[in-house]
Each structure stands twice: as structure tokens, then as C-alpha cells.
Amino acid sequence: MRCYIEERTIELAKYIIENKCTVREAAKKFGISKSTVHKDMTERLIKINQLLADEVKAILLENKQERHIRGGYATREKYRHQREAG
């Protein structure tokens, strides 16, 4: 694996752990695709640093369990803004 990919993977993992952010938020922060972040966190990180991989996995699992709630809030806000504007 190329050195810059390993460095990016570790930086992404640390960012996700420190901020407890989603894959989408991390991708936006680093200017890469969600697919790249996901691949880095689920495949590459395990080969580089198992401890970081376990911490990130726990955060990603928590985000996955909460995503239906976030979607509901976003939809509610969308329609609330439409009512106020219209």
C-alpha cells in the first residue's frame, strides 16, 4: 500500500474518533468520496492499525444505528422551512 494512503487512512481514523463524525462528514472535511472513506475505514485500517480500526468500527456502527433518526430530523426541518417560506 502506498505511504500516502496509509497516512490518509490513519488521519481519517483519528478525525472520526475525535469528532465522532459520520463517513459523509469525514469525506467532506478531507475532500474525498464517501466510498474512499468507507474503504479506508473498513478494509485498509484493519491492516494498518487494529486498535484504531476497532474504535472506528464502534463509531460507524453507532452512526448506522442512528441514521434513521437523523433522516427523520432532516425531513422534518425541510418541511418546516418550506411552510415558513411559503
Foldseek 3Di string as FASTA:
>chain_A
DDPVLLVLLVVLLVVCLVVLDELVVSCVVVVHDSVSNVCSQPPVVCVVPVVSSVSNVVSHVVCVVCVVVVVVVVVVVVVVVVVVVD
